[in-house]
PDB file of N, CA and C in Angstrom:
ATOM      1  N   UNK A   1      18.481 265.327 -25.888  1.00  0.00           N
ATOM      2  CA  UNK A   1      19.819 265.935 -25.805  1.00  0.00           C
ATOM      3  C   UNK A   1      19.895 266.995 -26.981  1.00  0.00           C
ATOM      4  N   UNK A   2      20.461 268.002 -26.624  1.00  0.00           N
ATOM      5  CA  UNK A   2      20.707 269.100 -27.727  1.00  0.00           C
ATOM      6  C   UNK A   2      22.071 269.376 -27.958  1.00  0.00           C
ATOM      7  N   UNK A   3      22.538 269.551 -29.202  1.00  0.00           N
ATOM      8  CA  UNK A   3      23.814 269.997 -29.563  1.00  0.00           C
ATOM      9  C   UNK A   3      23.731 270.884 -30.745  1.00  0.00           C
ATOM     10  N   UNK A   4      24.845 271.694 -30.948  1.00  0.00           N
ATOM     11  CA  UNK A   4      24.965 272.684 -32.017  1.00  0.00           C
ATOM     12  C   UNK A   4      25.735 272.096 -33.017  1.00  0.00           C
ATOM     13  N   UNK A   5      25.674 272.410 -34.288  1.00  0.00           N
ATOM     14  CA  UNK A   5      26.379 271.869 -35.379  1.00  0.00           C
ATOM     15  C   UNK A   5      27.773 272.170 -35.200  1.00  0.00           C
ATOM     16  N   UNK A   6      28.029 273.526 -34.706  1.00  0.00           N
ATOM     17  CA  UNK A   6      29.494 273.893 -34.641  1.00  0.00           C
ATOM     18  C   UNK A   6      30.020 274.000 -33.113  1.00  0.00           C
ATOM     19  N   UNK A   7      29.276 273.305 -32.323  1.00  0.00           N
ATOM     20  CA  UNK A   7      29.725 273.114 -30.901  1.00  0.00           C
ATOM     21  C   UNK A   7      31.024 272.607 -30.799  1.00  0.00           C
ATOM     22  N   UNK A   8      31.827 273.044 -29.883  1.00  0.00           N
ATOM     23  CA  UNK A   8      33.026 272.530 -29.529  1.00  0.00           C
ATOM     24  C   UNK A   8      33.283 272.454 -28.117  1.00  0.00           C
ATOM     25  N   UNK A   9      32.263 272.919 -27.238  1.00  0.00           N
ATOM     26  CA  UNK A   9      32.296 272.921 -25.772  1.00  0.00           C
ATOM     27  C   UNK A   9      30.918 272.457 -25.345  1.00  0.00           C
ATOM     28  N   UNK A  10      30.863 271.677 -24.318  1.00  0.00           N
ATOM     29  CA  UNK A  10      29.607 271.036 -23.976  1.00  0.00           C
ATOM     30  C   UNK A  10      29.402 271.104 -22.359  1.00  0.00           C
ATOM     31  N   UNK A  11      28.102 271.388 -22.173  1.00  0.00           N
ATOM     32  CA  UNK A  11      27.556 271.128 -20.670  1.00  0.00           C
ATOM     33  C   UNK A  11      26.845 269.857 -20.714  1.00  0.00           C
ATOM     34  N   UNK A  12      27.066 269.027 -19.748  1.00  0.00           N
ATOM     35  CA  UNK A  12      26.367 267.640 -19.671  1.00  0.00           C
ATOM     36  C   UNK A  12      26.012 267.284 -18.398  1.00  0.00           C
ATOM     37  N   UNK A  13      25.017 266.456 -18.383  1.00  0.00           N
ATOM     38  CA  UNK A  13      24.478 265.873 -17.076  1.00  0.00           C
ATOM     39  C   UNK A  13      24.518 264.312 -17.171  1.00  0.00           C
ATOM     40  N   UNK A  14      25.064 263.706 -16.025  1.00  0.00           N
ATOM     41  CA  UNK A  14      24.982 262.270 -15.990  1.00  0.00           C
ATOM     42  C   UNK A  14      24.141 261.978 -14.916  1.00  0.00           C
ATOM     43  N   UNK A  15      23.535 260.622 -14.972  1.00  0.00           N
ATOM     44  CA  UNK A  15      22.746 260.107 -13.875  1.00  0.00           C
ATOM     45  C   UNK A  15      23.736 258.946 -13.426  1.00  0.00           C
ATOM     46  N   UNK A  16      24.054 259.094 -12.111  1.00  0.00           N
ATOM     47  CA  UNK A  16      24.966 258.044 -11.591  1.00  0.00           C
ATOM     48  C   UNK A  16      24.154 256.956 -11.050  1.00  0.00           C
ATOM     49  N   UNK A  17      24.799 255.800 -10.716  1.00  0.00           N
ATOM     50  CA  UNK A  17      24.252 254.470 -10.472  1.00  0.00           C
ATOM     51  C   UNK A  17      23.414 254.750  -9.088  1.00  0.00           C
ATOM     52  N   UNK A  18      23.641 255.635  -8.307  1.00  0.00           N
ATOM     53  CA  UNK A  18      22.807 255.863  -7.057  1.00  0.00           C
ATOM     54  C   UNK A  18      21.610 256.778  -7.348  1.00  0.00           C
ATOM     55  N   UNK A  19      21.349 257.175  -8.578  1.00  0.00           N
ATOM     56  CA  UNK A  19      20.247 257.997  -8.933  1.00  0.00           C
ATOM     57  C   UNK A  19      20.477 259.353  -8.843  1.00  0.00           C
ATOM     58  N   UNK A  20      21.668 259.940  -8.441  1.00  0.00           N
ATOM     59  CA  UNK A  20      22.076 261.387  -8.268  1.00  0.00           C
ATOM     60  C   UNK A  20      22.451 261.904  -9.742  1.00  0.00           C
ATOM     61  N   UNK A  21      22.525 263.215  -9.913  1.00  0.00           N
ATOM     62  CA  UNK A  21      22.836 263.827 -11.071  1.00  0.00           C
ATOM     63  C   UNK A  21      24.284 264.385 -10.744  1.00  0.00           C
ATOM     64  N   UNK A  22      25.045 264.309 -11.896  1.00  0.00           N
ATOM     65  CA  UNK A  22      26.401 265.076 -11.942  1.00  0.00           C
ATOM     66  C   UNK A  22      26.328 265.967 -13.186  1.00  0.00           C
ATOM     67  N   UNK A  23      26.754 267.170 -13.084  1.00  0.00           N
ATOM     68  CA  UNK A  23      26.813 268.193 -14.084  1.00  0.00           C
ATOM     69  C   UNK A  23      28.230 268.617 -14.257  1.00  0.00           C
ATOM     70  N   UNK A  24      28.682 268.584 -15.607  1.00  0.00           N
ATOM     71  CA  UNK A  24      30.076 268.959 -15.914  1.00  0.00           C
ATOM     72  C   UNK A  24      30.201 269.770 -17.218  1.00  0.00           C
ATOM     73  N   UNK A  25      31.456 270.068 -17.596  1.00  0.00           N
ATOM     74  CA  UNK A  25      31.765 270.706 -18.722  1.00  0.00           C
ATOM     75  C   UNK A  25      32.855 269.811 -19.404  1.00  0.00           C
ATOM     76  N   UNK A  26      33.019 269.816 -20.786  1.00  0.00           N
ATOM     77  CA  UNK A  26      34.038 269.171 -21.448  1.00  0.00           C
ATOM     78  C   UNK A  26      34.026 269.641 -22.999  1.00  0.00           C
ATOM     79  N   UNK A  27      35.163 269.170 -23.658  1.00  0.00           N
ATOM     80  CA  UNK A  27      35.250 269.375 -24.920  1.00  0.00           C
ATOM     81  C   UNK A  27      35.065 268.204 -25.750  1.00  0.00           C
ATOM     82  N   UNK A  28      35.091 267.068 -25.066  1.00  0.00           N
ATOM     83  CA  UNK A  28      34.775 265.704 -25.762  1.00  0.00           C
ATOM     84  C   UNK A  28      33.969 264.805 -24.756  1.00  0.00           C
ATOM     85  N   UNK A  29      32.572 264.796 -25.100  1.00  0.00           N
ATOM     86  CA  UNK A  29      31.699 264.173 -24.382  1.00  0.00           C
ATOM     87  C   UNK A  29      31.959 262.624 -24.099  1.00  0.00           C
ATOM     88  N   UNK A  30      32.172 261.926 -25.262  1.00  0.00           N
ATOM     89  CA  UNK A  30      32.401 260.429 -25.139  1.00  0.00           C
ATOM     90  C   UNK A  30      33.578 260.158 -24.245  1.00  0.00           C
ATOM     91  N   UNK A  31      34.623 260.849 -24.475  1.00  0.00           N
ATOM     92  CA  UNK A  31      35.937 260.662 -23.559  1.00  0.00           C
ATOM     93  C   UNK A  31      35.725 260.956 -22.130  1.00  0.00           C
ATOM     94  N   UNK A  32      34.905 261.967 -21.890  1.00  0.00           N
ATOM     95  CA  UNK A  32      34.681 262.291 -20.510  1.00  0.00           C
ATOM     96  C   UNK A  32      33.824 261.325 -19.768  1.00  0.00           C
ATOM     97  N   UNK A  33      32.762 260.848 -20.455  1.00  0.00           N
ATOM     98  CA  UNK A  33      31.852 259.812 -19.932  1.00  0.00           C
ATOM     99  C   UNK A  33      32.636 258.651 -19.529  1.00  0.00           C
ATOM    100  N   UNK A  34      33.589 258.235 -20.539  1.00  0.00           N
ATOM    101  CA  UNK A  34      34.410 257.019 -20.397  1.00  0.00           C
ATOM    102  C   UNK A  34      35.272 257.195 -19.085  1.00  0.00           C
ATOM    103  N   UNK A  35      35.959 258.442 -18.962  1.00  0.00           N
ATOM    104  CA  UNK A  35      36.718 258.748 -17.773  1.00  0.00           C
ATOM    105  C   UNK A  35      35.855 258.552 -16.529  1.00  0.00           C
ATOM    106  N   UNK A  36      34.682 259.103 -16.386  1.00  0.00           N
ATOM    107  CA  UNK A  36      33.739 258.973 -15.253  1.00  0.00           C
ATOM    108  C   UNK A  36      33.683 257.559 -14.984  1.00  0.00           C
ATOM    109  N   UNK A  37      33.178 256.739 -16.015  1.00  0.00           N
ATOM    110  CA  UNK A  37      32.945 255.352 -15.830  1.00  0.00           C
ATOM    111  C   UNK A  37      34.174 254.552 -15.385  1.00  0.00           C
ATOM    112  N   UNK A  38      35.360 254.929 -15.711  1.00  0.00           N
ATOM    113  CA  UNK A  38      36.598 254.403 -15.392  1.00  0.00           C
ATOM    114  C   UNK A  38      37.038 254.668 -13.921  1.00  0.00           C
ATOM    115  N   UNK A  39      36.364 255.635 -13.217  1.00  0.00           N
ATOM    116  CA  UNK A  39      36.759 256.076 -11.965  1.00  0.00           C
ATOM    117  C   UNK A  39      37.883 257.154 -12.121  1.00  0.00           C
ATOM    118  N   UNK A  40      38.140 257.706 -13.230  1.00  0.00           N
ATOM    119  CA  UNK A  40      39.129 258.674 -13.451  1.00  0.00           C
ATOM    120  C   UNK A  40      38.448 260.121 -13.721  1.00  0.00           C
ATOM    121  N   UNK A  41      37.210 260.238 -13.555  1.00  0.00           N
ATOM    122  CA  UNK A  41      36.584 261.405 -13.683  1.00  0.00           C
ATOM    123  C   UNK A  41      36.591 262.261 -12.458  1.00  0.00           C
ATOM    124  N   UNK A  42      35.321 263.006 -12.129  1.00  0.00           N
ATOM    125  CA  UNK A  42      35.353 263.811 -10.902  1.00  0.00           C
ATOM    126  C   UNK A  42      35.340 262.934  -9.647  1.00  0.00           C
ATOM    127  N   UNK A  43      35.708 263.440  -8.545  1.00  0.00           N
ATOM    128  CA  UNK A  43      35.676 262.591  -7.259  1.00  0.00           C
ATOM    129  C   UNK A  43      34.192 262.248  -6.936  1.00  0.00           C
ATOM    130  N   UNK A  44      33.256 263.099  -7.322  1.00  0.00           N
ATOM    131  CA  UNK A  44      31.955 262.834  -6.957  1.00  0.00           C
ATOM    132  C   UNK A  44      31.353 261.538  -7.695  1.00  0.00           C
ATOM    133  N   UNK A  45      31.860 261.341  -8.921  1.00  0.00           N
ATOM    134  CA  UNK A  45      31.342 260.162  -9.631  1.00  0.00           C
ATOM    135  C   UNK A  45      32.018 258.826  -9.246  1.00  0.00           C
ATOM    136  N   UNK A  46      33.131 259.000  -8.693  1.00  0.00           N
ATOM    137  CA  UNK A  46      33.876 257.661  -8.146  1.00  0.00           C
ATOM    138  C   UNK A  46      33.019 256.983  -7.144  1.00  0.00           C
ATOM    139  N   UNK A  47      32.938 255.734  -7.446  1.00  0.00           N
ATOM    140  CA  UNK A  47      31.972 254.902  -6.481  1.00  0.00           C
ATOM    141  C   UNK A  47      30.523 255.031  -6.842  1.00  0.00           C
ATOM    142  N   UNK A  48      30.140 255.867  -7.767  1.00  0.00           N
ATOM    143  CA  UNK A  48      28.865 256.059  -8.265  1.00  0.00           C
ATOM    144  C   UNK A  48      28.592 255.469  -9.658  1.00  0.00           C
ATOM    145  N   UNK A  49      29.557 254.658 -10.225  1.00  0.00           N
ATOM    146  CA  UNK A  49      29.518 254.174 -11.503  1.00  0.00           C
ATOM    147  C   UNK A  49      28.611 252.890 -11.552  1.00  0.00           C
ATOM    148  N   UNK A  50      28.134 252.537 -12.623  1.00  0.00           N
ATOM    149  CA  UNK A  50      28.246 253.177 -13.896  1.00  0.00           C
ATOM    150  C   UNK A  50      27.400 254.424 -14.002  1.00  0.00           C
ATOM    151  N   UNK A  51      27.850 255.400 -14.934  1.00  0.00           N
ATOM    152  CA  UNK A  51      27.055 256.610 -15.064  1.00  0.00           C
ATOM    153  C   UNK A  51      26.423 256.538 -16.461  1.00  0.00           C
ATOM    154  N   UNK A  52      25.299 257.279 -16.525  1.00  0.00           N
ATOM    155  CA  UNK A  52      24.622 257.371 -17.844  1.00  0.00           C
ATOM    156  C   UNK A  52      24.515 258.787 -18.206  1.00  0.00           C
ATOM    157  N   UNK A  53      24.980 259.146 -19.472  1.00  0.00           N
ATOM    158  CA  UNK A  53      24.800 260.434 -20.166  1.00  0.00           C
ATOM    159  C   UNK A  53      23.263 260.651 -20.379  1.00  0.00           C
ATOM    160  N   UNK A  54      22.663 261.680 -19.727  1.00  0.00           N
ATOM    161  CA  UNK A  54      21.347 261.846 -19.977  1.00  0.00           C
ATOM    162  C   UNK A  54      20.976 263.269 -20.569  1.00  0.00           C
ATOM    163  N   UNK A  55      21.973 264.184 -20.646  1.00  0.00           N
ATOM    164  CA  UNK A  55      21.643 265.431 -21.304  1.00  0.00           C
ATOM    165  C   UNK A  55      22.915 266.132 -21.715  1.00  0.00           C
ATOM    166  N   UNK A  56      22.984 266.700 -22.963  1.00  0.00           N
ATOM    167  CA  UNK A  56      24.082 267.396 -23.527  1.00  0.00           C
ATOM    168  C   UNK A  56      23.717 268.665 -24.083  1.00  0.00           C
ATOM    169  N   UNK A  57      24.337 269.731 -23.959  1.00  0.00           N
ATOM    170  CA  UNK A  57      24.068 271.040 -24.729  1.00  0.00           C
ATOM    171  C   UNK A  57      25.305 271.368 -25.212  1.00  0.00           C
ATOM    172  N   UNK A  58      25.410 271.754 -26.498  1.00  0.00           N
ATOM    173  CA  UNK A  58      26.606 272.205 -27.224  1.00  0.00           C
ATOM    174  C   UNK A  58      26.695 273.769 -27.293  1.00  0.00           C
ATOM    175  N   UNK A  59      27.954 274.269 -27.215  1.00  0.00           N
ATOM    176  CA  UNK A  59      28.068 275.674 -27.365  1.00  0.00           C
ATOM    177  C   UNK A  59      29.430 275.896 -28.159  1.00  0.00           C
ATOM    178  N   UNK A  60      29.450 277.156 -28.739  1.00  0.00           N
ATOM    179  CA  UNK A  60      30.589 277.613 -29.563  1.00  0.00           C
ATOM    180  C   UNK A  60      31.676 278.011 -28.710  1.00  0.00           C
ATOM    181  N   UNK A  61      31.417 278.489 -27.444  1.00  0.00           N
ATOM    182  CA  UNK A  61      32.530 279.069 -26.677  1.00  0.00           C
ATOM    183  C   UNK A  61      32.492 278.389 -25.311  1.00  0.00           C
ATOM    184  N   UNK A  62      33.734 278.275 -24.810  1.00  0.00           N
ATOM    185  CA  UNK A  62      33.957 277.788 -23.491  1.00  0.00           C
ATOM    186  C   UNK A  62      33.200 278.477 -22.355  1.00  0.00           C
ATOM    187  N   UNK A  63      33.219 279.743 -22.510  1.00  0.00           N
ATOM    188  CA  UNK A  63      32.493 280.511 -21.386  1.00  0.00           C
ATOM    189  C   UNK A  63      30.987 280.130 -21.405  1.00  0.00           C
ATOM    190  N   UNK A  64      30.508 280.169 -22.645  1.00  0.00           N
ATOM    191  CA  UNK A  64      29.042 279.820 -22.735  1.00  0.00           C
ATOM    192  C   UNK A  64      28.587 278.492 -22.018  1.00  0.00           C
ATOM    193  N   UNK A  65      29.424 277.468 -22.401  1.00  0.00           N
ATOM    194  CA  UNK A  65      29.256 276.188 -21.876  1.00  0.00           C
ATOM    195  C   UNK A  65      29.428 276.078 -20.386  1.00  0.00           C
ATOM    196  N   UNK A  66      30.392 276.862 -19.914  1.00  0.00           N
ATOM    197  CA  UNK A  66      30.657 276.934 -18.374  1.00  0.00           C
ATOM    198  C   UNK A  66      29.563 277.703 -17.720  1.00  0.00           C
ATOM    199  N   UNK A  67      29.016 278.661 -18.412  1.00  0.00           N
ATOM    200  CA  UNK A  67      27.988 279.440 -17.763  1.00  0.00           C
ATOM    201  C   UNK A  67      26.799 278.482 -17.577  1.00  0.00           C
ATOM    202  N   UNK A  68      26.533 277.855 -18.610  1.00  0.00           N
ATOM    203  CA  UNK A  68      25.296 276.887 -18.646  1.00  0.00           C
ATOM    204  C   UNK A  68      25.436 275.800 -17.737  1.00  0.00           C
ATOM    205  N   UNK A  69      26.730 275.234 -17.550  1.00  0.00           N
ATOM    206  CA  UNK A  69      27.048 274.179 -16.534  1.00  0.00           C
ATOM    207  C   UNK A  69      26.661 274.838 -15.088  1.00  0.00           C
ATOM    208  N   UNK A  70      27.100 275.932 -14.851  1.00  0.00           N
ATOM    209  CA  UNK A  70      26.762 276.652 -13.534  1.00  0.00           C
ATOM    210  C   UNK A  70      25.385 276.843 -13.356  1.00  0.00           C
ATOM    211  N   UNK A  71      24.549 277.098 -14.474  1.00  0.00           N
ATOM    212  CA  UNK A  71      23.012 277.366 -14.320  1.00  0.00           C
ATOM    213  C   UNK A  71      22.544 276.015 -13.918  1.00  0.00           C
ATOM    214  N   UNK A  72      22.851 274.918 -14.658  1.00  0.00           N
ATOM    215  CA  UNK A  72      22.348 273.578 -14.412  1.00  0.00           C
ATOM    216  C   UNK A  72      22.614 273.245 -12.868  1.00  0.00           C
ATOM    217  N   UNK A  73      23.878 273.413 -12.531  1.00  0.00           N
ATOM    218  CA  UNK A  73      24.239 273.081 -11.013  1.00  0.00           C
ATOM    219  C   UNK A  73      23.401 273.791  -9.912  1.00  0.00           C
ATOM    220  N   UNK A  74      22.820 274.990 -10.324  1.00  0.00           N
ATOM    221  CA  UNK A  74      21.986 275.703  -9.491  1.00  0.00           C
ATOM    222  C   UNK A  74      20.475 275.115  -9.358  1.00  0.00           C
ATOM    223  N   UNK A  75      20.099 274.288 -10.260  1.00  0.00           N
ATOM    224  CA  UNK A  75      18.852 273.913 -10.286  1.00  0.00           C
ATOM    225  C   UNK A  75      18.594 272.833  -9.160  1.00  0.00           C
ATOM    226  N   UNK A  76      17.422 272.734  -8.718  1.00  0.00           N
ATOM    227  CA  UNK A  76      16.936 271.806  -7.663  1.00  0.00           C
ATOM    228  C   UNK A  76      16.999 270.281  -8.346  1.00  0.00           C
ATOM    229  N   UNK A  77      16.996 269.392  -7.522  1.00  0.00           N
ATOM    230  CA  UNK A  77      17.065 268.030  -8.194  1.00  0.00           C
ATOM    231  C   UNK A  77      15.824 267.793  -9.012  1.00  0.00           C
ATOM    232  N   UNK A  78      14.604 268.275  -8.630  1.00  0.00           N
ATOM    233  CA  UNK A  78      13.436 268.051  -9.428  1.00  0.00           C
ATOM    234  C   UNK A  78      13.596 268.828 -10.801  1.00  0.00           C
ATOM    235  N   UNK A  79      14.175 269.975 -10.805  1.00  0.00           N
ATOM    236  CA  UNK A  79      14.377 270.683 -11.964  1.00  0.00           C
ATOM    237  C   UNK A  79      15.412 270.115 -12.823  1.00  0.00           C
ATOM    238  N   UNK A  80      16.321 269.419 -12.274  1.00  0.00           N
ATOM    239  CA  UNK A  80      17.265 268.744 -13.162  1.00  0.00           C
ATOM    240  C   UNK A  80      16.661 267.443 -13.780  1.00  0.00           C
ATOM    241  N   UNK A  81      15.768 266.738 -13.038  1.00  0.00           N
ATOM    242  CA  UNK A  81      15.088 265.670 -13.524  1.00  0.00           C
ATOM    243  C   UNK A  81      14.312 266.030 -14.576  1.00  0.00           C
ATOM    244  N   UNK A  82      13.393 267.217 -14.485  1.00  0.00           N
ATOM    245  CA  UNK A  82      12.653 267.652 -15.578  1.00  0.00           C
ATOM    246  C   UNK A  82      13.539 268.047 -16.938  1.00  0.00           C
ATOM    247  N   UNK A  83      14.614 268.552 -16.579  1.00  0.00           N
ATOM    248  CA  UNK A  83      15.506 268.930 -17.666  1.00  0.00           C
ATOM    249  C   UNK A  83      15.904 267.728 -18.420  1.00  0.00           C
ATOM    250  N   UNK A  84      16.256 266.630 -17.782  1.00  0.00           N
ATOM    251  CA  UNK A  84      16.719 265.505 -18.443  1.00  0.00           C
ATOM    252  C   UNK A  84      15.717 264.562 -18.914  1.00  0.00           C
ATOM    253  N   UNK A  85      14.363 264.804 -18.696  1.00  0.00           N
ATOM    254  CA  UNK A  85      13.279 264.133 -19.070  1.00  0.00           C
ATOM    255  C   UNK A  85      12.983 262.934 -18.274  1.00  0.00           C
TER     256      UNK A  85
END
Protein backbone atom coordinates (compact mmCIF):
# COMPACT_ATOMS: atom_id res chain seq x y z
CA UNK A 1 0.00 0.00 0.00
CA UNK A 2 1.30 3.41 -0.89
CA UNK A 3 0.42 6.73 0.70
CA UNK A 4 1.85 10.22 0.58
CA UNK A 5 2.82 12.15 3.73
CA UNK A 6 0.55 15.07 2.77
CA UNK A 7 -2.22 12.99 1.20
CA UNK A 8 -5.76 14.02 1.97
CA UNK A 9 -7.48 12.13 -0.84
CA UNK A 10 -7.24 8.42 -1.53
CA UNK A 11 -7.96 5.87 -4.22
CA UNK A 12 -8.42 2.43 -2.70
CA UNK A 13 -9.12 -1.16 -3.67
CA UNK A 14 -11.12 -3.63 -1.59
CA UNK A 15 -11.26 -7.38 -2.00
CA UNK A 16 -14.83 -8.46 -1.38
CA UNK A 17 -15.79 -11.73 0.31
CA UNK A 18 -16.71 -13.23 -3.08
CA UNK A 19 -13.18 -12.52 -4.40
CA UNK A 20 -14.13 -9.53 -6.57
CA UNK A 21 -12.47 -6.14 -6.37
CA UNK A 22 -14.09 -2.79 -5.64
CA UNK A 23 -12.27 0.49 -6.33
CA UNK A 24 -13.27 3.79 -4.74
CA UNK A 25 -12.29 7.29 -3.65
CA UNK A 26 -12.38 8.74 -0.13
CA UNK A 27 -10.87 11.28 2.21
CA UNK A 28 -10.94 8.86 5.19
CA UNK A 29 -9.97 5.28 4.37
CA UNK A 30 -10.73 3.71 7.76
CA UNK A 31 -14.19 5.27 7.93
CA UNK A 32 -14.99 4.26 4.37
CA UNK A 33 -13.93 0.64 4.84
CA UNK A 34 -16.07 0.49 8.00
CA UNK A 35 -19.04 1.84 6.01
CA UNK A 36 -18.56 -0.85 3.37
CA UNK A 37 -18.37 -3.56 6.05
CA UNK A 38 -21.52 -2.25 7.72
CA UNK A 39 -23.46 -2.43 4.44
CA UNK A 40 -23.61 1.36 4.24
CA UNK A 41 -21.00 1.77 1.49
CA UNK A 42 -21.46 1.31 -2.23
CA UNK A 43 -24.36 -0.79 -3.48
CA UNK A 44 -21.81 -3.14 -5.08
CA UNK A 45 -20.23 -4.11 -1.75
CA UNK A 46 -23.53 -4.77 0.05
CA UNK A 47 -23.92 -8.51 0.33
CA UNK A 48 -20.22 -9.00 -0.46
CA UNK A 49 -18.97 -8.35 3.05
CA UNK A 50 -16.66 -8.61 4.81
CA UNK A 51 -14.33 -6.55 2.65
CA UNK A 52 -10.55 -6.35 2.95
CA UNK A 53 -8.54 -3.23 2.15
CA UNK A 54 -5.81 -4.43 -0.21
CA UNK A 55 -4.45 -1.24 -1.82
CA UNK A 56 -4.36 2.50 -1.03
CA UNK A 57 -2.77 5.39 -2.92
CA UNK A 58 -2.68 8.88 -1.41
CA UNK A 59 -2.90 12.17 -3.30
CA UNK A 60 -2.83 15.85 -2.43
CA UNK A 61 -5.79 16.72 -4.68
CA UNK A 62 -9.24 15.26 -5.14
CA UNK A 63 -8.91 15.35 -8.92
CA UNK A 64 -5.67 13.34 -8.87
CA UNK A 65 -7.20 10.70 -6.59
CA UNK A 66 -10.35 10.45 -8.68
CA UNK A 67 -8.31 10.19 -11.88
CA UNK A 68 -6.35 7.30 -10.37
CA UNK A 69 -9.59 5.67 -9.20
CA UNK A 70 -10.82 5.80 -12.80
CA UNK A 71 -7.54 4.35 -14.11
CA UNK A 72 -7.73 1.44 -11.69
CA UNK A 73 -11.37 0.77 -12.62
CA UNK A 74 -10.31 0.44 -16.27
CA UNK A 75 -7.83 -2.34 -15.45
CA UNK A 76 -8.67 -5.97 -16.13
CA UNK A 77 -9.26 -8.26 -13.17
CA UNK A 78 -5.78 -9.75 -13.65
CA UNK A 79 -4.19 -6.31 -13.75
CA UNK A 80 -5.98 -5.39 -10.52
CA UNK A 81 -4.78 -8.64 -8.92
CA UNK A 82 -1.23 -7.77 -9.99
CA UNK A 83 -1.60 -4.25 -8.56
CA UNK A 84 -2.74 -5.43 -5.14
CA UNK A 85 -0.12 -8.19 -5.04
